[in-house]
Amino acid sequence: MNSFRIGELSSRDAAAYREIRLEALRLHPDAFGASFENETQQPESFFAARLTSNRVFAGYDSENRLQGIIGLNVSPSPKMRHITHLWGMYVRAEMRGSGLSRELVAAAIQAAHGSKTIKLSVGASNHAAQALYRSSGFKVWATDSAALCRDGVYLDELLMRLDLD
């Protein structure tokens, strides 16, 4: 039996979202295109706007503490509305291995109904995340060489997709 629940965040959750997002960026700087240094300077309204313009799902533990997040974005362009982008996946260390990551990905896939494809990028060295996405049906379709640069080090990302039809 799972000892967590999944819910969708709204702009009212901006402070809690900001806290976990900044933790993710601080602890795992190679896993995200955004940087802790930049986002820590942003006001709560920045995070509230992100929650308004995207769908962000959260995983809560049995004590109702926010333990994980995952975001979805659909392009406003009519020519690209069939593609959903999965982004910002993070689960706190104490909940890893609990099944929360898998449930967050499942919630995101379910929420993307109506899309033809879900795309994501994942660090080429992040084997645990790659395995999670593969087990959810995602397949690598390209490698983005030198996708990120942190402290003068270039990092590759794998581009993955899940076709829904």
N, C-alpha and C. Protein backbone atom coordinates (compact mmCIF):
# COMPACT_ATOMS: atom_id res chain seq x y z
N MET A 1 0.84 -1.19 0.00
CA MET A 1 0.00 0.00 0.00
C MET A 1 0.88 1.25 0.00
N ASN A 2 0.57 2.19 -0.88
CA ASN A 2 1.34 3.42 -0.97
C ASN A 2 1.08 4.31 0.24
N SER A 3 2.12 4.91 0.76
CA SER A 3 1.97 5.82 1.87
C SER A 3 2.13 7.27 1.39
N PHE A 4 1.57 7.56 0.22
CA PHE A 4 1.63 8.90 -0.33
C PHE A 4 0.40 9.14 -1.18
N ARG A 5 0.20 10.41 -1.54
CA ARG A 5 -0.90 10.77 -2.45
C ARG A 5 -0.37 11.77 -3.47
N ILE A 6 -1.04 11.82 -4.60
CA ILE A 6 -0.67 12.73 -5.69
C ILE A 6 -1.76 13.79 -5.81
N GLY A 7 -1.35 15.03 -5.99
CA GLY A 7 -2.29 16.13 -6.20
C GLY A 7 -1.69 17.13 -7.17
N GLU A 8 -2.51 18.06 -7.64
CA GLU A 8 -2.03 19.09 -8.56
C GLU A 8 -1.88 20.40 -7.80
N LEU A 9 -0.77 21.08 -8.03
CA LEU A 9 -0.50 22.35 -7.37
C LEU A 9 -1.20 23.49 -8.10
N SER A 10 -1.53 24.53 -7.35
CA SER A 10 -2.08 25.76 -7.92
C SER A 10 -1.22 26.92 -7.44
N SER A 11 -1.53 28.11 -7.90
CA SER A 11 -0.75 29.28 -7.52
C SER A 11 -0.75 29.49 -6.00
N ARG A 12 -1.76 28.99 -5.30
CA ARG A 12 -1.80 29.09 -3.83
C ARG A 12 -0.67 28.28 -3.18
N ASP A 13 -0.08 27.35 -3.92
CA ASP A 13 0.99 26.49 -3.40
C ASP A 13 2.37 27.01 -3.74
N ALA A 14 2.46 28.26 -4.17
CA ALA A 14 3.72 28.81 -4.68
C ALA A 14 4.86 28.72 -3.67
N ALA A 15 4.62 29.00 -2.40
CA ALA A 15 5.70 28.97 -1.40
C ALA A 15 6.26 27.56 -1.23
N ALA A 16 5.39 26.57 -1.13
CA ALA A 16 5.84 25.18 -0.99
C ALA A 16 6.54 24.71 -2.26
N TYR A 17 6.00 25.10 -3.41
CA TYR A 17 6.64 24.73 -4.67
C TYR A 17 8.02 25.37 -4.79
N ARG A 18 8.12 26.63 -4.43
CA ARG A 18 9.41 27.33 -4.47
C ARG A 18 10.44 26.60 -3.62
N GLU A 19 10.04 26.19 -2.43
CA GLU A 19 10.96 25.51 -1.51
C GLU A 19 11.51 24.21 -2.10
N ILE A 20 10.63 23.36 -2.62
CA ILE A 20 11.10 22.08 -3.16
C ILE A 20 11.85 22.26 -4.47
N ARG A 21 11.43 23.21 -5.28
CA ARG A 21 12.12 23.48 -6.55
C ARG A 21 13.55 23.96 -6.28
N LEU A 22 13.71 24.88 -5.34
CA LEU A 22 15.05 25.38 -5.03
C LEU A 22 15.92 24.28 -4.43
N GLU A 23 15.32 23.42 -3.62
CA GLU A 23 16.07 22.27 -3.08
C GLU A 23 16.58 21.39 -4.22
N ALA A 24 15.72 21.10 -5.17
CA ALA A 24 16.11 20.27 -6.31
C ALA A 24 17.27 20.90 -7.08
N LEU A 25 17.17 22.18 -7.35
CA LEU A 25 18.22 22.87 -8.11
C LEU A 25 19.53 22.94 -7.33
N ARG A 26 19.44 23.11 -6.02
CA ARG A 26 20.64 23.20 -5.17
C ARG A 26 21.34 21.85 -5.05
N LEU A 27 20.56 20.79 -4.82
CA LEU A 27 21.15 19.47 -4.58
C LEU A 27 21.55 18.74 -5.86
N HIS A 28 20.90 19.05 -6.98
CA HIS A 28 21.14 18.33 -8.23
C HIS A 28 21.29 19.32 -9.40
N PRO A 29 22.31 20.14 -9.37
CA PRO A 29 22.45 21.19 -10.39
C PRO A 29 22.62 20.67 -11.81
N ASP A 30 23.12 19.45 -11.97
CA ASP A 30 23.31 18.91 -13.31
C ASP A 30 22.03 18.33 -13.90
N ALA A 31 20.99 18.23 -13.11
CA ALA A 31 19.76 17.58 -13.56
C ALA A 31 18.76 18.55 -14.18
N PHE A 32 19.03 19.84 -14.11
CA PHE A 32 18.04 20.83 -14.56
C PHE A 32 18.70 21.90 -15.42
N GLY A 33 17.95 22.40 -16.38
CA GLY A 33 18.43 23.50 -17.20
C GLY A 33 18.45 24.81 -16.43
N ALA A 34 17.58 24.95 -15.46
CA ALA A 34 17.54 26.15 -14.63
C ALA A 34 18.64 26.07 -13.57
N SER A 35 18.98 27.21 -13.00
CA SER A 35 20.02 27.21 -11.97
C SER A 35 19.47 27.71 -10.64
N PHE A 36 20.01 27.16 -9.58
CA PHE A 36 19.66 27.60 -8.23
C PHE A 36 19.96 29.08 -8.06
N GLU A 37 21.12 29.50 -8.56
CA GLU A 37 21.54 30.89 -8.39
C GLU A 37 20.55 31.86 -9.01
N ASN A 38 19.97 31.51 -10.14
CA ASN A 38 19.00 32.38 -10.79
C ASN A 38 17.63 32.29 -10.10
N GLU A 39 17.15 31.09 -9.88
CA GLU A 39 15.79 30.95 -9.37
C GLU A 39 15.67 31.37 -7.90
N THR A 40 16.74 31.30 -7.14
CA THR A 40 16.67 31.73 -5.74
C THR A 40 16.43 33.24 -5.64
N GLN A 41 16.75 33.97 -6.72
CA GLN A 41 16.53 35.42 -6.75
C GLN A 41 15.10 35.79 -7.13
N GLN A 42 14.33 34.79 -7.56
CA GLN A 42 12.98 35.06 -8.05
C GLN A 42 11.98 35.17 -6.89
N PRO A 43 11.02 36.09 -7.00
CA PRO A 43 10.00 36.22 -5.96
C PRO A 43 8.99 35.07 -6.04
N GLU A 44 8.21 34.94 -5.00
CA GLU A 44 7.19 33.90 -4.96
C GLU A 44 6.23 34.01 -6.15
N SER A 45 5.99 35.23 -6.62
CA SER A 45 5.08 35.42 -7.76
C SER A 45 5.59 34.73 -9.02
N PHE A 46 6.91 34.62 -9.17
CA PHE A 46 7.50 33.89 -10.30
C PHE A 46 7.06 32.43 -10.28
N PHE A 47 7.09 31.83 -9.09
CA PHE A 47 6.71 30.42 -8.94
C PHE A 47 5.20 30.26 -9.07
N ALA A 48 4.44 31.22 -8.60
CA ALA A 48 2.98 31.18 -8.76
C ALA A 48 2.63 31.24 -10.24
N ALA A 49 3.32 32.07 -11.00
CA ALA A 49 3.07 32.16 -12.45
C ALA A 49 3.41 30.84 -13.14
N ARG A 50 4.47 30.19 -12.72
CA ARG A 50 4.83 28.90 -13.30
C ARG A 50 3.73 27.87 -13.04
N LEU A 51 3.16 27.91 -11.86
CA LEU A 51 2.08 26.98 -11.53
C LEU A 51 0.80 27.29 -12.29
N THR A 52 0.64 28.52 -12.70
CA THR A 52 -0.54 28.92 -13.47
C THR A 52 -0.39 28.55 -14.95
N SER A 53 0.83 28.66 -15.48
CA SER A 53 1.04 28.43 -16.91
C SER A 53 1.42 26.98 -17.24
N ASN A 54 1.57 26.15 -16.24
CA ASN A 54 1.91 24.74 -16.41
C ASN A 54 1.00 23.92 -15.50
N ARG A 55 1.01 22.63 -15.70
CA ARG A 55 0.39 21.72 -14.74
C ARG A 55 1.53 21.09 -13.96
N VAL A 56 1.51 21.24 -12.65
CA VAL A 56 2.55 20.69 -11.80
C VAL A 56 1.87 19.78 -10.78
N PHE A 57 2.31 18.53 -10.77
CA PHE A 57 1.78 17.54 -9.85
C PHE A 57 2.75 17.37 -8.69
N ALA A 58 2.19 17.07 -7.54
CA ALA A 58 2.98 16.94 -6.32
C ALA A 58 2.67 15.61 -5.66
N GLY A 59 3.68 15.06 -5.02
CA GLY A 59 3.51 13.86 -4.21
C GLY A 59 3.68 14.23 -2.75
N TYR A 60 2.74 13.78 -1.94
CA TYR A 60 2.75 14.07 -0.51
C TYR A 60 2.89 12.77 0.27
N ASP A 61 3.65 12.82 1.37
CA ASP A 61 3.79 11.64 2.20
C ASP A 61 2.59 11.50 3.13
N SER A 62 2.61 10.48 3.99
CA SER A 62 1.48 10.20 4.87
C SER A 62 1.23 11.31 5.88
N GLU A 63 2.19 12.19 6.07
CA GLU A 63 2.02 13.33 6.97
C GLU A 63 1.74 14.61 6.20
N ASN A 64 1.37 14.46 4.92
CA ASN A 64 0.99 15.56 4.04
C ASN A 64 2.13 16.54 3.76
N ARG A 65 3.37 16.04 3.78
CA ARG A 65 4.52 16.86 3.43
C ARG A 65 4.82 16.69 1.94
N LEU A 66 5.07 17.79 1.28
CA LEU A 66 5.41 17.78 -0.15
C LEU A 66 6.75 17.08 -0.33
N GLN A 67 6.76 15.97 -1.08
CA GLN A 67 7.97 15.16 -1.24
C GLN A 67 8.44 15.03 -2.68
N GLY A 68 7.61 15.42 -3.67
CA GLY A 68 8.02 15.28 -5.05
C GLY A 68 7.18 16.14 -5.96
N ILE A 69 7.74 16.48 -7.13
CA ILE A 69 7.04 17.30 -8.12
C ILE A 69 7.38 16.83 -9.53
N ILE A 70 6.47 17.13 -10.43
CA ILE A 70 6.70 16.90 -11.86
C ILE A 70 5.82 17.90 -12.62
N GLY A 71 6.36 18.48 -13.69
CA GLY A 71 5.62 19.48 -14.45
C GLY A 71 5.30 19.02 -15.86
N LEU A 72 4.23 19.58 -16.38
CA LEU A 72 3.81 19.37 -17.76
C LEU A 72 3.56 20.72 -18.41
N ASN A 73 3.96 20.83 -19.66
CA ASN A 73 3.71 22.06 -20.41
C ASN A 73 3.27 21.68 -21.82
N VAL A 74 2.21 22.33 -22.27
CA VAL A 74 1.73 22.18 -23.64
C VAL A 74 1.95 23.51 -24.34
N SER A 75 2.54 23.47 -25.49
CA SER A 75 2.80 24.69 -26.24
C SER A 75 1.49 25.39 -26.59
N PRO A 76 1.46 26.71 -26.49
CA PRO A 76 0.26 27.44 -26.92
C PRO A 76 0.12 27.51 -28.45
N SER A 77 1.19 27.16 -29.16
CA SER A 77 1.16 27.20 -30.62
C SER A 77 0.24 26.11 -31.17
N PRO A 78 -0.72 26.48 -32.01
CA PRO A 78 -1.62 25.45 -32.57
C PRO A 78 -0.88 24.33 -33.30
N LYS A 79 0.26 24.65 -33.90
CA LYS A 79 1.02 23.64 -34.64
C LYS A 79 1.77 22.68 -33.72
N MET A 80 1.88 23.02 -32.44
CA MET A 80 2.65 22.19 -31.52
C MET A 80 1.83 21.72 -30.32
N ARG A 81 0.54 21.99 -30.33
CA ARG A 81 -0.31 21.64 -29.19
C ARG A 81 -0.43 20.14 -28.95
N HIS A 82 -0.06 19.35 -29.92
CA HIS A 82 -0.15 17.89 -29.78
C HIS A 82 1.03 17.31 -28.98
N ILE A 83 2.00 18.17 -28.63
CA ILE A 83 3.18 17.72 -27.89
C ILE A 83 3.14 18.30 -26.47
N THR A 84 3.27 17.43 -25.50
CA THR A 84 3.38 17.83 -24.10
C THR A 84 4.82 17.62 -23.66
N HIS A 85 5.34 18.55 -22.89
CA HIS A 85 6.71 18.44 -22.38
C HIS A 85 6.66 18.16 -20.88
N LEU A 86 7.35 17.12 -20.48
CA LEU A 86 7.48 16.77 -19.07
C LEU A 86 8.78 17.42 -18.57
N TRP A 87 8.72 18.07 -17.43
CA TRP A 87 9.90 18.79 -16.93
C TRP A 87 9.89 18.84 -15.40
N GLY A 88 11.04 19.15 -14.84
CA GLY A 88 11.15 19.47 -13.43
C GLY A 88 10.87 18.34 -12.45
N MET A 89 11.11 17.11 -12.86
CA MET A 89 10.88 15.95 -11.99
C MET A 89 11.87 15.95 -10.84
N TYR A 90 11.35 15.82 -9.61
CA TYR A 90 12.21 15.73 -8.44
C TYR A 90 11.45 15.05 -7.32
N VAL A 91 12.13 14.12 -6.66
CA VAL A 91 11.60 13.46 -5.46
C VAL A 91 12.68 13.53 -4.39
N ARG A 92 12.28 13.95 -3.20
CA ARG A 92 13.22 14.05 -2.09
C ARG A 92 13.80 12.68 -1.76
N ALA A 93 15.04 12.68 -1.27
CA ALA A 93 15.80 11.46 -1.03
C ALA A 93 15.05 10.45 -0.17
N GLU A 94 14.36 10.91 0.86
CA GLU A 94 13.69 9.97 1.77
C GLU A 94 12.53 9.22 1.13
N MET A 95 12.06 9.70 -0.03
CA MET A 95 10.95 9.03 -0.71
C MET A 95 11.40 8.25 -1.94
N ARG A 96 12.66 8.30 -2.27
CA ARG A 96 13.14 7.54 -3.42
C ARG A 96 13.05 6.05 -3.10
N GLY A 97 12.61 5.29 -4.07
CA GLY A 97 12.42 3.85 -3.88
C GLY A 97 11.04 3.50 -3.32
N SER A 98 10.22 4.50 -3.04
CA SER A 98 8.88 4.26 -2.46
C SER A 98 7.81 4.03 -3.52
N GLY A 99 8.13 4.32 -4.78
CA GLY A 99 7.13 4.27 -5.84
C GLY A 99 6.55 5.63 -6.16
N LEU A 100 6.93 6.65 -5.39
CA LEU A 100 6.39 7.99 -5.64
C LEU A 100 6.79 8.51 -7.01
N SER A 101 8.04 8.32 -7.41
CA SER A 101 8.49 8.78 -8.73
C SER A 101 7.63 8.18 -9.83
N ARG A 102 7.41 6.89 -9.74
CA ARG A 102 6.61 6.19 -10.75
C ARG A 102 5.18 6.74 -10.79
N GLU A 103 4.61 7.01 -9.61
CA GLU A 103 3.24 7.54 -9.54
C GLU A 103 3.16 8.96 -10.08
N LEU A 104 4.19 9.76 -9.85
CA LEU A 104 4.20 11.11 -10.42
C LEU A 104 4.26 11.06 -11.93
N VAL A 105 5.11 10.19 -12.48
CA VAL A 105 5.19 10.05 -13.94
C VAL A 105 3.85 9.55 -14.49
N ALA A 106 3.24 8.59 -13.81
CA ALA A 106 1.93 8.06 -14.25
C ALA A 106 0.88 9.16 -14.24
N ALA A 107 0.89 10.00 -13.21
CA ALA A 107 -0.08 11.11 -13.15
C ALA A 107 0.15 12.08 -14.30
N ALA A 108 1.40 12.34 -14.63
CA ALA A 108 1.71 13.24 -15.74
C ALA A 108 1.25 12.65 -17.07
N ILE A 109 1.50 11.38 -17.26
CA ILE A 109 1.06 10.71 -18.50
C ILE A 109 -0.46 10.77 -18.60
N GLN A 110 -1.14 10.47 -17.51
CA GLN A 110 -2.61 10.51 -17.50
C GLN A 110 -3.12 11.91 -17.83
N ALA A 111 -2.47 12.93 -17.29
CA ALA A 111 -2.89 14.31 -17.51
C ALA A 111 -2.63 14.78 -18.93
N ALA A 112 -1.75 14.10 -19.64
CA ALA A 112 -1.41 14.49 -21.01
C ALA A 112 -2.37 13.91 -22.04
N HIS A 113 -3.48 13.33 -21.58
CA HIS A 113 -4.46 12.77 -22.53
C HIS A 113 -4.85 13.86 -23.53
N GLY A 114 -5.03 13.47 -24.75
CA GLY A 114 -5.30 14.44 -25.81
C GLY A 114 -4.04 14.83 -26.56
N SER A 115 -2.89 14.60 -25.98
CA SER A 115 -1.63 14.86 -26.67
C SER A 115 -1.27 13.64 -27.50
N LYS A 116 -0.49 13.86 -28.53
CA LYS A 116 0.01 12.75 -29.33
C LYS A 116 1.33 12.22 -28.76
N THR A 117 2.14 13.13 -28.19
CA THR A 117 3.48 12.77 -27.73
C THR A 117 3.83 13.52 -26.46
N ILE A 118 4.53 12.84 -25.57
CA ILE A 118 5.14 13.50 -24.41
C ILE A 118 6.65 13.43 -24.62
N LYS A 119 7.32 14.56 -24.50
CA LYS A 119 8.77 14.62 -24.66
C LYS A 119 9.41 15.09 -23.36
N LEU A 120 10.66 14.67 -23.16
CA LEU A 120 11.42 15.10 -22.00
C LEU A 120 12.89 15.03 -22.32
N SER A 121 13.69 15.69 -21.50
CA SER A 121 15.15 15.53 -21.59
C SER A 121 15.64 15.11 -20.22
N VAL A 122 16.68 14.28 -20.22
CA VAL A 122 17.23 13.76 -18.98
C VAL A 122 18.75 13.68 -19.14
N GLY A 123 19.45 14.00 -18.07
CA GLY A 123 20.91 13.97 -18.11
C GLY A 123 21.43 12.61 -18.54
N ALA A 124 22.41 12.62 -19.42
CA ALA A 124 22.97 11.36 -19.93
C ALA A 124 23.59 10.53 -18.81
N SER A 125 23.98 11.15 -17.71
CA SER A 125 24.56 10.40 -16.60
C SER A 125 23.53 10.04 -15.51
N ASN A 126 22.28 10.44 -15.70
CA ASN A 126 21.25 10.17 -14.70
C ASN A 126 20.55 8.85 -15.02
N HIS A 127 21.21 7.76 -14.71
CA HIS A 127 20.73 6.43 -15.09
C HIS A 127 19.45 6.03 -14.36
N ALA A 128 19.29 6.45 -13.12
CA ALA A 128 18.07 6.12 -12.37
C ALA A 128 16.85 6.75 -13.03
N ALA A 129 16.95 8.02 -13.42
CA ALA A 129 15.82 8.69 -14.07
C ALA A 129 15.56 8.06 -15.44
N GLN A 130 16.61 7.74 -16.17
CA GLN A 130 16.43 7.10 -17.47
C GLN A 130 15.67 5.78 -17.32
N ALA A 131 16.03 5.00 -16.31
CA ALA A 131 15.36 3.72 -16.08
C ALA A 131 13.89 3.93 -15.73
N LEU A 132 13.61 4.93 -14.91
CA LEU A 132 12.23 5.26 -14.57
C LEU A 132 11.43 5.59 -15.82
N TYR A 133 11.96 6.47 -16.65
CA TYR A 133 11.24 6.87 -17.86
C TYR A 133 11.08 5.70 -18.83
N ARG A 134 12.12 4.90 -18.99
CA ARG A 134 12.01 3.72 -19.87
C ARG A 134 10.92 2.77 -19.37
N SER A 135 10.87 2.55 -18.07
CA SER A 135 9.86 1.64 -17.51
C SER A 135 8.44 2.20 -17.68
N SER A 136 8.34 3.50 -17.93
CA SER A 136 7.04 4.13 -18.18
C SER A 136 6.72 4.20 -19.67
N GLY A 137 7.61 3.65 -20.50
CA GLY A 137 7.34 3.58 -21.93
C GLY A 137 8.08 4.59 -22.79
N PHE A 138 8.86 5.48 -22.20
CA PHE A 138 9.61 6.47 -22.98
C PHE A 138 10.78 5.80 -23.68
N LYS A 139 11.10 6.33 -24.85
CA LYS A 139 12.22 5.83 -25.64
C LYS A 139 13.14 7.00 -26.01
N VAL A 140 14.44 6.73 -26.03
CA VAL A 140 15.41 7.74 -26.45
C VAL A 140 15.28 7.93 -27.95
N TRP A 141 15.21 9.19 -28.40
CA TRP A 141 15.15 9.45 -29.84
C TRP A 141 16.32 10.31 -30.31
N ALA A 142 17.08 10.87 -29.36
CA ALA A 142 18.26 11.65 -29.77
C ALA A 142 19.10 11.96 -28.53
N THR A 143 20.34 12.35 -28.79
CA THR A 143 21.21 12.87 -27.75
C THR A 143 21.51 14.31 -28.07
N ASP A 144 21.31 15.17 -27.10
CA ASP A 144 21.63 16.59 -27.25
C ASP A 144 23.00 16.81 -26.61
N SER A 145 24.02 16.80 -27.46
CA SER A 145 25.39 16.96 -26.97
C SER A 145 25.61 18.38 -26.45
N ALA A 146 26.28 18.48 -25.31
CA ALA A 146 26.59 19.77 -24.70
C ALA A 146 25.31 20.59 -24.49
N ALA A 147 24.25 19.94 -24.04
CA ALA A 147 22.97 20.61 -23.83
C ALA A 147 23.04 21.65 -22.71
N LEU A 148 23.85 21.35 -21.70
CA LEU A 148 24.00 22.25 -20.57
C LEU A 148 25.48 22.51 -20.34
N CYS A 149 25.78 23.66 -19.76
CA CYS A 149 27.15 23.96 -19.36
C CYS A 149 27.11 24.48 -17.94
N ARG A 150 27.79 23.77 -17.05
CA ARG A 150 27.84 24.19 -15.65
C ARG A 150 29.29 24.24 -15.22
N ASP A 151 29.72 25.41 -14.78
CA ASP A 151 31.10 25.60 -14.34
C ASP A 151 32.12 25.18 -15.40
N GLY A 152 31.80 25.48 -16.67
CA GLY A 152 32.71 25.17 -17.75
C GLY A 152 32.70 23.72 -18.22
N VAL A 153 31.83 22.91 -17.63
CA VAL A 153 31.72 21.50 -18.02
C VAL A 153 30.45 21.33 -18.84
N TYR A 154 30.58 20.73 -20.01
CA TYR A 154 29.43 20.51 -20.89
C TYR A 154 28.80 19.16 -20.57
N LEU A 155 27.50 19.16 -20.50
CA LEU A 155 26.74 17.96 -20.14
C LEU A 155 25.77 17.59 -21.25
N ASP A 156 25.74 16.32 -21.59
CA ASP A 156 24.82 15.82 -22.60
C ASP A 156 23.48 15.47 -21.97
N GLU A 157 22.43 15.56 -22.77
CA GLU A 157 21.11 15.11 -22.34
C GLU A 157 20.55 14.15 -23.37
N LEU A 158 19.81 13.18 -22.89
CA LEU A 158 19.06 12.29 -23.77
C LEU A 158 17.68 12.87 -23.95
N LEU A 159 17.22 12.88 -25.17
CA LEU A 159 15.85 13.31 -25.48
C LEU A 159 15.01 12.06 -25.59
N MET A 160 13.94 12.02 -24.81
CA MET A 160 13.07 10.85 -24.78
C MET A 160 11.65 11.26 -25.14
N ARG A 161 10.89 10.28 -25.62
CA ARG A 161 9.50 10.55 -26.00
C ARG A 161 8.64 9.33 -25.74
N LEU A 162 7.38 9.62 -25.51
CA LEU A 162 6.37 8.60 -25.37
C LEU A 162 5.25 8.96 -26.31
N ASP A 163 5.00 8.12 -27.31
CA ASP A 163 3.90 8.36 -28.25
C ASP A 163 2.64 7.72 -27.68
N LEU A 164 1.60 8.53 -27.60
CA LEU A 164 0.39 8.11 -26.89
C LEU A 164 -0.68 7.47 -27.76
N ASP A 165 -0.58 7.56 -29.07
CA ASP A 165 -1.67 6.96 -29.87
C ASP A 165 -1.37 5.58 -30.36
